[in-house]
């Protein structure tokens, strides 16, 4: 009960984290930015007379602000990695891809990046997804991550700034991924490679029981032992093996060893007890 309560608490915490970022943080920044943009535009119109920026220009300019670039990269990295590690959540994957699209759109619209960076972005996503479907010992994953990072750096106005922004976003994304993976550890992709079923007797699996009580008891061979066969002991038929020698049918034997389901017998004459009458 405590484990379930703690799991529900973590789920609520993760949901609150994503909700706070998207439902509070982004609208607040957007409103503040557009108020500032509107004020600057009004000043420009009054002083210069006639210039008004379009919506896309304002949006792309806003998205290329350092804080927004870091936020977009954080959401993009966290969303894509979470979707790859915990397939089926959908929501993080959609957010992650959307954030990357906004990142590359703003950089391209502002003239900071060439259109081919979109190819690097698409190739990175595809290669990372293929790593999950077609495991390549990390090769496809590394190529995908390199392609994605290369696209991010090339889309920035300065390499140093891009690496700094990417580093901050990576640290934040690693923390978010760690929380979500912990919460949804039972649904992670690694569970596909781990056998979690218990081979218990309740599930219909019965391990061989070593019957130590049979050691030293007499039996009669019902079939020739060459070296395996069947013996009869007090009305019970048992599959056994000889100690190496062939033993004919209707011979008296003694059980000398049991190992799991393996029962080893020896002809009584060779056991040092001398010939006896069949049981």
Foldseek 3Di string as FASTA:
>chain_A
DVVVVVLVVLVVVLVVVVCCVPVPVVVVLVVVLVVVVVVVQVVCCVVVNDDDDDPLLSLLVSCLDLVNLLVLLLLQLLLLVLCLFQPDPVVSVVRNVVSVVSLLSSLVVVVQADPCLVVLLVQLSVLCNVCLVPPDVCPSNVSSVVSNLVSQCSSHNHNVSSVVSNVSSVVSSVVSSVSSCVSPVVRTSVVVVDDDDDQDVVVVHDWFDWDPVQAFAKWFFQAKPPQWGWTADPNDIAIAGEPHDIGGGGFMWGFHDTDRNYTYIYGPCVVPNHGDHHD
